[in-house]
All heavy atoms as atom14 arrays in JSON, in Angstrom:
{
  "sequence": "YRLSKFTRQGDFESDHSGYVRPLPVPRSLNSDISYFGVGGKQAVFF",
  "atom14_mask": [
    [1, 1, 1, 1, 1, 1, 1, 1, 1, 1, 1, 1, 0, 0],
    [1, 1, 1, 1, 1, 1, 1, 1, 1, 1, 1, 0, 0, 0],
    [1, 1, 1, 1, 1, 1, 1, 1, 0, 0, 0, 0, 0, 0],
    [1, 1, 1, 1, 1, 1, 0, 0, 0, 0, 0, 0, 0, 0],
    [1, 1, 1, 1, 1, 1, 1, 1, 1, 0, 0, 0, 0, 0],
    [1, 1, 1, 1, 1, 1, 1, 1, 1, 1, 1, 0, 0, 0],
    [1, 1, 1, 1, 1, 1, 1, 0, 0, 0, 0, 0, 0, 0],
    [1, 1, 1, 1, 1, 1, 1, 1, 1, 1, 1, 0, 0, 0],
    [1, 1, 1, 1, 1, 1, 1, 1, 1, 0, 0, 0, 0, 0],
    [1, 1, 1, 1, 0, 0, 0, 0, 0, 0, 0, 0, 0, 0],
    [1, 1, 1, 1, 1, 1, 1, 1, 0, 0, 0, 0, 0, 0],
    [1, 1, 1, 1, 1, 1, 1, 1, 1, 1, 1, 0, 0, 0],
    [1, 1, 1, 1, 1, 1, 1, 1, 1, 0, 0, 0, 0, 0],
    [1, 1, 1, 1, 1, 1, 0, 0, 0, 0, 0, 0, 0, 0],
    [1, 1, 1, 1, 1, 1, 1, 1, 0, 0, 0, 0, 0, 0],
    [1, 1, 1, 1, 1, 1, 1, 1, 1, 1, 0, 0, 0, 0],
    [1, 1, 1, 1, 1, 1, 0, 0, 0, 0, 0, 0, 0, 0],
    [1, 1, 1, 1, 0, 0, 0, 0, 0, 0, 0, 0, 0, 0],
    [1, 1, 1, 1, 1, 1, 1, 1, 1, 1, 1, 1, 0, 0],
    [1, 1, 1, 1, 1, 1, 1, 0, 0, 0, 0, 0, 0, 0],
    [1, 1, 1, 1, 1, 1, 1, 1, 1, 1, 1, 0, 0, 0],
    [1, 1, 1, 1, 1, 1, 1, 0, 0, 0, 0, 0, 0, 0],
    [1, 1, 1, 1, 1, 1, 1, 1, 0, 0, 0, 0, 0, 0],
    [1, 1, 1, 1, 1, 1, 1, 0, 0, 0, 0, 0, 0, 0],
    [1, 1, 1, 1, 1, 1, 1, 0, 0, 0, 0, 0, 0, 0],
    [1, 1, 1, 1, 1, 1, 1, 0, 0, 0, 0, 0, 0, 0],
    [1, 1, 1, 1, 1, 1, 1, 1, 1, 1, 1, 0, 0, 0],
    [1, 1, 1, 1, 1, 1, 0, 0, 0, 0, 0, 0, 0, 0],
    [1, 1, 1, 1, 1, 1, 1, 1, 0, 0, 0, 0, 0, 0],
    [1, 1, 1, 1, 1, 1, 1, 1, 0, 0, 0, 0, 0, 0],
    [1, 1, 1, 1, 1, 1, 0, 0, 0, 0, 0, 0, 0, 0],
    [1, 1, 1, 1, 1, 1, 1, 1, 0, 0, 0, 0, 0, 0],
    [1, 1, 1, 1, 1, 1, 1, 1, 0, 0, 0, 0, 0, 0],
    [1, 1, 1, 1, 1, 1, 0, 0, 0, 0, 0, 0, 0, 0],
    [1, 1, 1, 1, 1, 1, 1, 1, 1, 1, 1, 1, 0, 0],
    [1, 1, 1, 1, 1, 1, 1, 1, 1, 1, 1, 0, 0, 0],
    [1, 1, 1, 1, 0, 0, 0, 0, 0, 0, 0, 0, 0, 0],
    [1, 1, 1, 1, 1, 1, 1, 0, 0, 0, 0, 0, 0, 0],
    [1, 1, 1, 1, 0, 0, 0, 0, 0, 0, 0, 0, 0, 0],
    [1, 1, 1, 1, 0, 0, 0, 0, 0, 0, 0, 0, 0, 0],
    [1, 1, 1, 1, 1, 1, 1, 1, 1, 0, 0, 0, 0, 0],
    [1, 1, 1, 1, 1, 1, 1, 1, 1, 0, 0, 0, 0, 0],
    [1, 1, 1, 1, 1, 0, 0, 0, 0, 0, 0, 0, 0, 0],
    [1, 1, 1, 1, 1, 1, 1, 0, 0, 0, 0, 0, 0, 0],
    [1, 1, 1, 1, 1, 1, 1, 1, 1, 1, 1, 0, 0, 0],
    [1, 1, 1, 1, 1, 1, 1, 1, 1, 1, 1, 0, 0, 0]
  ],
  "atom14_positions": [
    [[27.2, -47.76, 15.79], [28.37, -48.56, 15.42], [29.27, -48.79, 16.63], [29.59, -47.86, 17.37], [29.13, -47.81, 14.32], [30.27, -48.57, 13.68], [30.02, -49.56, 12.75], [31.58, -48.28, 14.0], [31.05, -50.25, 12.14], [32.63, -48.95, 13.41], [32.35, -49.94, 12.48], [33.39, -50.62, 11.88], [0.0, 0.0, 0.0], [0.0, 0.0, 0.0]],
    [[29.67, -50.04, 16.83], [30.58, -50.44, 17.9], [29.98, -50.37, 19.3], [30.72, -50.41, 20.28], [31.85, -49.58, 17.87], [32.81, -49.9, 16.74], [33.47, -51.24, 16.96], [34.54, -51.47, 16.0], [35.22, -52.59, 15.89], [34.94, -53.6, 16.7], [36.16, -52.75, 15.0], [0.0, 0.0, 0.0], [0.0, 0.0, 0.0], [0.0, 0.0, 0.0]],
    [[28.67, -50.25, 19.41], [28.05, -50.25, 20.74], [27.67, -51.69, 21.08], [26.58, -52.15, 20.77], [26.82, -49.35, 20.77], [26.09, -49.23, 22.11], [27.04, -48.76, 23.2], [24.91, -48.28, 22.0], [0.0, 0.0, 0.0], [0.0, 0.0, 0.0], [0.0, 0.0, 0.0], [0.0, 0.0, 0.0], [0.0, 0.0, 0.0], [0.0, 0.0, 0.0]],
    [[28.59, -52.41, 21.72], [28.39, -53.83, 21.99], [27.24, -54.05, 22.96], [27.06, -53.3, 23.91], [29.67, -54.44, 22.57], [29.4, -55.74, 23.07], [0.0, 0.0, 0.0], [0.0, 0.0, 0.0], [0.0, 0.0, 0.0], [0.0, 0.0, 0.0], [0.0, 0.0, 0.0], [0.0, 0.0, 0.0], [0.0, 0.0, 0.0], [0.0, 0.0, 0.0]],
    [[26.47, -55.12, 22.74], [25.37, -55.44, 23.65], [25.89, -55.84, 25.03], [25.13, -55.87, 25.99], [24.51, -56.56, 23.06], [25.22, -57.9, 22.91], [24.31, -58.85, 22.17], [25.01, -60.18, 21.9], [24.21, -61.05, 21.06], [0.0, 0.0, 0.0], [0.0, 0.0, 0.0], [0.0, 0.0, 0.0], [0.0, 0.0, 0.0], [0.0, 0.0, 0.0]],
    [[27.18, -56.15, 25.15], [27.73, -56.53, 26.44], [28.24, -55.33, 27.23], [28.55, -55.44, 28.4], [28.88, -57.53, 26.25], [28.43, -58.81, 25.6], [28.78, -59.09, 24.29], [27.63, -59.71, 26.28], [28.36, -60.26, 23.68], [27.2, -60.88, 25.69], [27.57, -61.16, 24.38], [0.0, 0.0, 0.0], [0.0, 0.0, 0.0], [0.0, 0.0, 0.0]],
    [[28.35, -54.16, 26.58], [28.9, -52.98, 27.26], [27.91, -51.83, 27.34], [28.25, -50.78, 27.86], [30.16, -52.48, 26.53], [29.84, -52.13, 25.18], [31.25, -53.54, 26.54], [0.0, 0.0, 0.0], [0.0, 0.0, 0.0], [0.0, 0.0, 0.0], [0.0, 0.0, 0.0], [0.0, 0.0, 0.0], [0.0, 0.0, 0.0], [0.0, 0.0, 0.0]],
    [[26.7, -52.0, 26.83], [25.71, -50.93, 26.92], [25.36, -50.65, 28.37], [25.14, -51.55, 29.15], [24.44, -51.3, 26.14], [24.68, -51.36, 24.65], [23.5, -51.97, 23.91], [23.87, -52.17, 22.51], [23.22, -52.98, 21.69], [22.17, -53.63, 22.09], [23.62, -53.1, 20.43], [0.0, 0.0, 0.0], [0.0, 0.0, 0.0], [0.0, 0.0, 0.0]],
    [[25.3, -49.36, 28.7], [25.0, -48.97, 30.07], [23.5, -48.86, 30.27], [22.76, -48.48, 29.37], [25.67, -47.63, 30.4], [27.18, -47.67, 30.29], [27.79, -48.68, 31.24], [27.48, -48.69, 32.42], [28.68, -49.53, 30.73], [0.0, 0.0, 0.0], [0.0, 0.0, 0.0], [0.0, 0.0, 0.0], [0.0, 0.0, 0.0], [0.0, 0.0, 0.0]],
    [[23.02, -49.19, 31.48], [21.6, -49.09, 31.79], [21.13, -47.65, 31.72], [21.84, -46.72, 32.1], [0.0, 0.0, 0.0], [0.0, 0.0, 0.0], [0.0, 0.0, 0.0], [0.0, 0.0, 0.0], [0.0, 0.0, 0.0], [0.0, 0.0, 0.0], [0.0, 0.0, 0.0], [0.0, 0.0, 0.0], [0.0, 0.0, 0.0], [0.0, 0.0, 0.0]],
    [[19.91, -47.42, 31.24], [19.33, -46.09, 31.19], [17.83, -46.21, 31.38], [17.32, -47.21, 31.84], [19.68, -45.37, 29.88], [19.32, -46.19, 28.65], [18.38, -47.0, 28.74], [19.98, -46.01, 27.62], [0.0, 0.0, 0.0], [0.0, 0.0, 0.0], [0.0, 0.0, 0.0], [0.0, 0.0, 0.0], [0.0, 0.0, 0.0], [0.0, 0.0, 0.0]],
    [[17.11, -45.14, 31.03], [15.68, -45.08, 31.32], [14.92, -46.25, 30.71], [13.98, -46.76, 31.29], [15.13, -43.75, 30.8], [13.71, -43.49, 31.23], [13.4, -43.39, 32.57], [12.7, -43.36, 30.3], [12.1, -43.15, 32.98], [11.39, -43.12, 30.69], [11.1, -43.0, 32.04], [0.0, 0.0, 0.0], [0.0, 0.0, 0.0], [0.0, 0.0, 0.0]],
    [[15.31, -46.65, 29.51], [14.68, -47.8, 28.87], [15.77, -48.74, 28.38], [15.87, -49.05, 27.21], [13.78, -47.37, 27.7], [12.46, -46.79, 28.15], [11.53, -46.52, 26.98], [11.92, -46.78, 25.83], [10.42, -46.03, 27.22], [0.0, 0.0, 0.0], [0.0, 0.0, 0.0], [0.0, 0.0, 0.0], [0.0, 0.0, 0.0], [0.0, 0.0, 0.0]],
    [[16.62, -49.17, 29.29], [17.75, -50.0, 28.91], [17.27, -51.3, 28.29], [16.33, -51.93, 28.76], [18.6, -50.31, 30.14], [19.63, -51.22, 29.81], [0.0, 0.0, 0.0], [0.0, 0.0, 0.0], [0.0, 0.0, 0.0], [0.0, 0.0, 0.0], [0.0, 0.0, 0.0], [0.0, 0.0, 0.0], [0.0, 0.0, 0.0], [0.0, 0.0, 0.0]],
    [[17.92, -51.69, 27.2], [17.52, -52.91, 26.52], [18.21, -54.15, 27.09], [17.76, -55.26, 26.91], [17.82, -52.81, 25.02], [19.26, -52.43, 24.75], [19.91, -51.84, 25.63], [19.74, -52.71, 23.65], [0.0, 0.0, 0.0], [0.0, 0.0, 0.0], [0.0, 0.0, 0.0], [0.0, 0.0, 0.0], [0.0, 0.0, 0.0], [0.0, 0.0, 0.0]],
    [[19.34, -53.96, 27.78], [20.05, -55.11, 28.32], [20.4, -54.88, 29.79], [21.4, -55.38, 30.28], [21.34, -55.37, 27.52], [21.08, -56.04, 26.21], [20.76, -57.37, 26.09], [21.07, -55.55, 24.94], [20.58, -57.67, 24.82], [20.76, -56.59, 24.11], [0.0, 0.0, 0.0], [0.0, 0.0, 0.0], [0.0, 0.0, 0.0], [0.0, 0.0, 0.0]],
    [[19.56, -54.11, 30.51], [19.85, -53.84, 31.92], [19.84, -55.12, 32.73], [20.54, -55.23, 33.73], [18.83, -52.85, 32.49], [17.51, -53.36, 32.36], [0.0, 0.0, 0.0], [0.0, 0.0, 0.0], [0.0, 0.0, 0.0], [0.0, 0.0, 0.0], [0.0, 0.0, 0.0], [0.0, 0.0, 0.0], [0.0, 0.0, 0.0], [0.0, 0.0, 0.0]],
    [[19.04, -56.11, 32.31], [19.01, -57.38, 33.02], [19.68, -58.49, 32.25], [19.43, -59.66, 32.49], [0.0, 0.0, 0.0], [0.0, 0.0, 0.0], [0.0, 0.0, 0.0], [0.0, 0.0, 0.0], [0.0, 0.0, 0.0], [0.0, 0.0, 0.0], [0.0, 0.0, 0.0], [0.0, 0.0, 0.0], [0.0, 0.0, 0.0], [0.0, 0.0, 0.0]],
    [[20.54, -58.12, 31.3], [21.16, -59.12, 30.43], [22.12, -60.02, 31.21], [22.92, -59.55, 32.02], [21.92, -58.43, 29.29], [22.53, -59.42, 28.32], [21.76, -59.98, 27.3], [23.85, -59.8, 28.42], [22.31, -60.88, 26.41], [24.4, -60.71, 27.53], [23.62, -61.25, 26.53], [24.17, -62.14, 25.66], [0.0, 0.0, 0.0], [0.0, 0.0, 0.0]],
    [[22.0, -61.3, 31.0], [22.89, -62.27, 31.6], [23.61, -63.01, 30.48], [22.97, -63.54, 29.56], [22.12, -63.29, 32.48], [23.08, -64.33, 33.05], [21.39, -62.55, 33.59], [0.0, 0.0, 0.0], [0.0, 0.0, 0.0], [0.0, 0.0, 0.0], [0.0, 0.0, 0.0], [0.0, 0.0, 0.0], [0.0, 0.0, 0.0], [0.0, 0.0, 0.0]],
    [[24.94, -63.04, 30.52], [25.71, -63.71, 29.47], [25.29, -65.17, 29.38], [25.2, -65.87, 30.4], [27.2, -63.62, 29.81], [28.14, -64.14, 28.71], [28.34, -63.1, 27.62], [29.24, -63.57, 26.61], [30.56, -63.41, 26.65], [31.13, -62.8, 27.67], [31.33, -63.84, 25.66], [0.0, 0.0, 0.0], [0.0, 0.0, 0.0], [0.0, 0.0, 0.0]],
    [[24.98, -65.67, 28.18], [24.52, -67.05, 28.04], [25.54, -68.06, 28.56], [26.74, -67.8, 28.58], [24.33, -67.21, 26.52], [24.19, -65.82, 26.01], [25.04, -64.97, 26.89], [0.0, 0.0, 0.0], [0.0, 0.0, 0.0], [0.0, 0.0, 0.0], [0.0, 0.0, 0.0], [0.0, 0.0, 0.0], [0.0, 0.0, 0.0], [0.0, 0.0, 0.0]],
    [[25.03, -69.21, 28.99], [25.91, -70.29, 29.42], [26.75, -70.76, 28.24], [26.36, -70.56, 27.07], [25.08, -71.44, 29.98], [24.31, -71.14, 31.27], [23.4, -72.32, 31.62], [25.27, -70.84, 32.41], [0.0, 0.0, 0.0], [0.0, 0.0, 0.0], [0.0, 0.0, 0.0], [0.0, 0.0, 0.0], [0.0, 0.0, 0.0], [0.0, 0.0, 0.0]],
    [[27.9, -71.37, 28.48], [28.78, -71.8, 27.38], [28.21, -72.99, 26.62], [28.65, -74.13, 26.77], [30.08, -72.17, 28.11], [29.65, -72.53, 29.49], [28.51, -71.61, 29.81], [0.0, 0.0, 0.0], [0.0, 0.0, 0.0], [0.0, 0.0, 0.0], [0.0, 0.0, 0.0], [0.0, 0.0, 0.0], [0.0, 0.0, 0.0], [0.0, 0.0, 0.0]],
    [[27.2, -72.72, 25.82], [26.6, -73.72, 24.94], [27.14, -73.47, 23.54], [27.86, -72.51, 23.32], [25.06, -73.62, 24.96], [24.54, -73.93, 26.36], [24.59, -72.25, 24.51], [0.0, 0.0, 0.0], [0.0, 0.0, 0.0], [0.0, 0.0, 0.0], [0.0, 0.0, 0.0], [0.0, 0.0, 0.0], [0.0, 0.0, 0.0], [0.0, 0.0, 0.0]],
    [[26.82, -74.34, 22.57], [27.34, -74.11, 21.21], [27.1, -72.69, 20.73], [26.03, -72.12, 20.91], [26.55, -75.13, 20.38], [26.29, -76.24, 21.32], [26.04, -75.59, 22.66], [0.0, 0.0, 0.0], [0.0, 0.0, 0.0], [0.0, 0.0, 0.0], [0.0, 0.0, 0.0], [0.0, 0.0, 0.0], [0.0, 0.0, 0.0], [0.0, 0.0, 0.0]],
    [[28.13, -72.1, 20.13], [28.1, -70.69, 19.76], [26.93, -70.36, 18.83], [26.43, -69.24, 18.81], [29.42, -70.31, 19.07], [29.66, -68.82, 18.97], [31.07, -68.55, 18.46], [31.34, -67.12, 18.39], [31.73, -66.38, 19.41], [31.85, -66.92, 20.6], [31.99, -65.09, 19.26], [0.0, 0.0, 0.0], [0.0, 0.0, 0.0], [0.0, 0.0, 0.0]],
    [[26.45, -71.31, 18.07], [25.35, -71.06, 17.15], [24.04, -70.84, 17.88], [23.06, -70.43, 17.27], [25.19, -72.23, 16.19], [24.92, -73.43, 16.9], [0.0, 0.0, 0.0], [0.0, 0.0, 0.0], [0.0, 0.0, 0.0], [0.0, 0.0, 0.0], [0.0, 0.0, 0.0], [0.0, 0.0, 0.0], [0.0, 0.0, 0.0], [0.0, 0.0, 0.0]],
    [[23.98, -71.12, 19.2], [22.73, -71.0, 19.94], [22.74, -69.9, 20.99], [21.7, -69.53, 21.5], [22.41, -72.33, 20.66], [22.2, -73.56, 19.78], [21.98, -74.78, 20.66], [21.02, -73.35, 18.85], [0.0, 0.0, 0.0], [0.0, 0.0, 0.0], [0.0, 0.0, 0.0], [0.0, 0.0, 0.0], [0.0, 0.0, 0.0], [0.0, 0.0, 0.0]],
    [[23.91, -69.36, 21.33], [23.95, -68.47, 22.48], [24.0, -66.98, 22.12], [24.13, -66.13, 23.0], [25.12, -68.82, 23.4], [26.48, -68.55, 22.76], [26.58, -67.92, 21.71], [27.52, -69.02, 23.42], [0.0, 0.0, 0.0], [0.0, 0.0, 0.0], [0.0, 0.0, 0.0], [0.0, 0.0, 0.0], [0.0, 0.0, 0.0], [0.0, 0.0, 0.0]],
    [[23.94, -66.63, 20.84], [23.9, -65.24, 20.41], [25.1, -64.44, 20.89], [24.98, -63.3, 21.3], [22.6, -64.56, 20.87], [22.49, -63.27, 20.31], [0.0, 0.0, 0.0], [0.0, 0.0, 0.0], [0.0, 0.0, 0.0], [0.0, 0.0, 0.0], [0.0, 0.0, 0.0], [0.0, 0.0, 0.0], [0.0, 0.0, 0.0], [0.0, 0.0, 0.0]],
    [[26.27, -65.01, 20.84], [27.5, -64.29, 21.13], [28.24, -63.92, 19.85], [29.4, -63.54, 19.89], [28.44, -65.15, 22.0], [28.16, -64.96, 23.47], [27.24, -64.19, 23.8], [28.85, -65.58, 24.29], [0.0, 0.0, 0.0], [0.0, 0.0, 0.0], [0.0, 0.0, 0.0], [0.0, 0.0, 0.0], [0.0, 0.0, 0.0], [0.0, 0.0, 0.0]],
    [[27.57, -64.06, 18.71], [28.26, -63.83, 17.43], [28.78, -62.4, 17.35], [29.94, -62.14, 17.09], [27.31, -64.11, 16.25], [26.87, -65.59, 16.27], [27.99, -63.79, 14.93], [25.83, -65.92, 15.23], [0.0, 0.0, 0.0], [0.0, 0.0, 0.0], [0.0, 0.0, 0.0], [0.0, 0.0, 0.0], [0.0, 0.0, 0.0], [0.0, 0.0, 0.0]],
    [[27.89, -61.43, 17.59], [28.25, -60.03, 17.41], [28.86, -59.48, 18.7], [28.34, -58.54, 19.29], [27.03, -59.21, 17.0], [27.4, -57.9, 16.66], [0.0, 0.0, 0.0], [0.0, 0.0, 0.0], [0.0, 0.0, 0.0], [0.0, 0.0, 0.0], [0.0, 0.0, 0.0], [0.0, 0.0, 0.0], [0.0, 0.0, 0.0], [0.0, 0.0, 0.0]],
    [[29.95, -60.06, 19.11], [30.53, -59.72, 20.42], [30.94, -58.26, 20.5], [30.81, -57.62, 21.55], [31.73, -60.61, 20.69], [32.31, -60.44, 22.08], [31.8, -61.15, 23.16], [33.34, -59.53, 22.32], [32.31, -60.99, 24.43], [33.86, -59.37, 23.59], [33.34, -60.09, 24.64], [33.85, -59.91, 25.9], [0.0, 0.0, 0.0], [0.0, 0.0, 0.0]],
    [[31.43, -57.69, 19.43], [31.91, -56.32, 19.48], [30.87, -55.31, 19.01], [31.15, -54.13, 18.87], [33.19, -56.16, 18.64], [34.32, -56.98, 19.17], [34.79, -58.07, 18.47], [34.91, -56.68, 20.38], [35.83, -58.83, 18.95], [35.95, -57.44, 20.88], [36.42, -58.52, 20.17], [0.0, 0.0, 0.0], [0.0, 0.0, 0.0], [0.0, 0.0, 0.0]],
    [[29.64, -55.75, 18.76], [28.6, -54.81, 18.39], [28.8, -54.17, 17.04], [28.31, -53.08, 16.78], [0.0, 0.0, 0.0], [0.0, 0.0, 0.0], [0.0, 0.0, 0.0], [0.0, 0.0, 0.0], [0.0, 0.0, 0.0], [0.0, 0.0, 0.0], [0.0, 0.0, 0.0], [0.0, 0.0, 0.0], [0.0, 0.0, 0.0], [0.0, 0.0, 0.0]],
    [[29.53, -54.82, 16.14], [29.81, -54.23, 14.84], [29.36, -55.13, 13.7], [29.05, -54.67, 12.62], [31.32, -53.91, 14.68], [32.13, -55.19, 14.71], [31.59, -53.14, 13.41], [0.0, 0.0, 0.0], [0.0, 0.0, 0.0], [0.0, 0.0, 0.0], [0.0, 0.0, 0.0], [0.0, 0.0, 0.0], [0.0, 0.0, 0.0], [0.0, 0.0, 0.0]],
    [[29.29, -56.45, 13.96], [29.09, -57.4, 12.88], [27.81, -57.22, 12.11], [27.79, -57.34, 10.89], [0.0, 0.0, 0.0], [0.0, 0.0, 0.0], [0.0, 0.0, 0.0], [0.0, 0.0, 0.0], [0.0, 0.0, 0.0], [0.0, 0.0, 0.0], [0.0, 0.0, 0.0], [0.0, 0.0, 0.0], [0.0, 0.0, 0.0], [0.0, 0.0, 0.0]],
    [[26.7, -56.95, 12.8], [25.41, -56.84, 12.12], [25.39, -55.77, 11.07], [24.94, -55.98, 9.94], [0.0, 0.0, 0.0], [0.0, 0.0, 0.0], [0.0, 0.0, 0.0], [0.0, 0.0, 0.0], [0.0, 0.0, 0.0], [0.0, 0.0, 0.0], [0.0, 0.0, 0.0], [0.0, 0.0, 0.0], [0.0, 0.0, 0.0], [0.0, 0.0, 0.0]],
    [[25.9, -54.59, 11.41], [25.92, -53.49, 10.44], [26.87, -53.79, 9.29], [26.56, -53.54, 8.14], [26.32, -52.18, 11.13], [25.18, -51.43, 11.79], [24.78, -52.05, 13.12], [25.81, -51.79, 14.18], [25.47, -52.37, 15.49], [0.0, 0.0, 0.0], [0.0, 0.0, 0.0], [0.0, 0.0, 0.0], [0.0, 0.0, 0.0], [0.0, 0.0, 0.0]],
    [[28.05, -54.33, 9.6], [28.99, -54.64, 8.54], [28.45, -55.75, 7.65], [28.64, -55.73, 6.43], [30.34, -55.04, 9.13], [31.15, -53.87, 9.65], [32.63, -54.16, 9.65], [33.05, -55.3, 9.65], [33.43, -53.11, 9.68], [0.0, 0.0, 0.0], [0.0, 0.0, 0.0], [0.0, 0.0, 0.0], [0.0, 0.0, 0.0], [0.0, 0.0, 0.0]],
    [[27.77, -56.72, 8.24], [27.19, -57.8, 7.44], [26.15, -57.27, 6.48], [26.09, -57.68, 5.32], [26.57, -58.85, 8.37], [0.0, 0.0, 0.0], [0.0, 0.0, 0.0], [0.0, 0.0, 0.0], [0.0, 0.0, 0.0], [0.0, 0.0, 0.0], [0.0, 0.0, 0.0], [0.0, 0.0, 0.0], [0.0, 0.0, 0.0], [0.0, 0.0, 0.0]],
    [[25.32, -56.35, 6.96], [24.28, -55.76, 6.1], [24.9, -55.13, 4.87], [24.49, -55.38, 3.73], [23.45, -54.72, 6.89], [22.67, -53.84, 5.93], [22.5, -55.42, 7.84], [0.0, 0.0, 0.0], [0.0, 0.0, 0.0], [0.0, 0.0, 0.0], [0.0, 0.0, 0.0], [0.0, 0.0, 0.0], [0.0, 0.0, 0.0], [0.0, 0.0, 0.0]],
    [[25.91, -54.3, 5.08], [26.47, -53.57, 3.96], [27.5, -54.38, 3.17], [27.94, -53.96, 2.11], [27.06, -52.23, 4.45], [25.99, -51.28, 4.91], [25.82, -50.99, 6.25], [25.13, -50.7, 3.99], [24.83, -50.14, 6.68], [24.13, -49.84, 4.41], [23.98, -49.55, 5.75], [0.0, 0.0, 0.0], [0.0, 0.0, 0.0], [0.0, 0.0, 0.0]],
    [[27.85, -55.56, 3.68], [28.63, -56.5, 2.87], [27.71, -57.21, 1.89], [28.04, -57.4, 0.72], [29.32, -57.53, 3.77], [30.03, -58.62, 2.99], [31.26, -58.38, 2.41], [29.44, -59.85, 2.82], [31.91, -59.37, 1.68], [30.07, -60.85, 2.1], [31.32, -60.61, 1.53], [0.0, 0.0, 0.0], [0.0, 0.0, 0.0], [0.0, 0.0, 0.0]]
  ]
}
């Protein structure tokens, strides 16, 4: 909970160690929806 994909630190098997923030294209295409790393879990249980 609250572990944003933009703030995760690199580790042995980092999932976003090479992550580059998407270019400013329409929000529906750039996967910036869950900016704070909380929305997906809250959406599930909503």
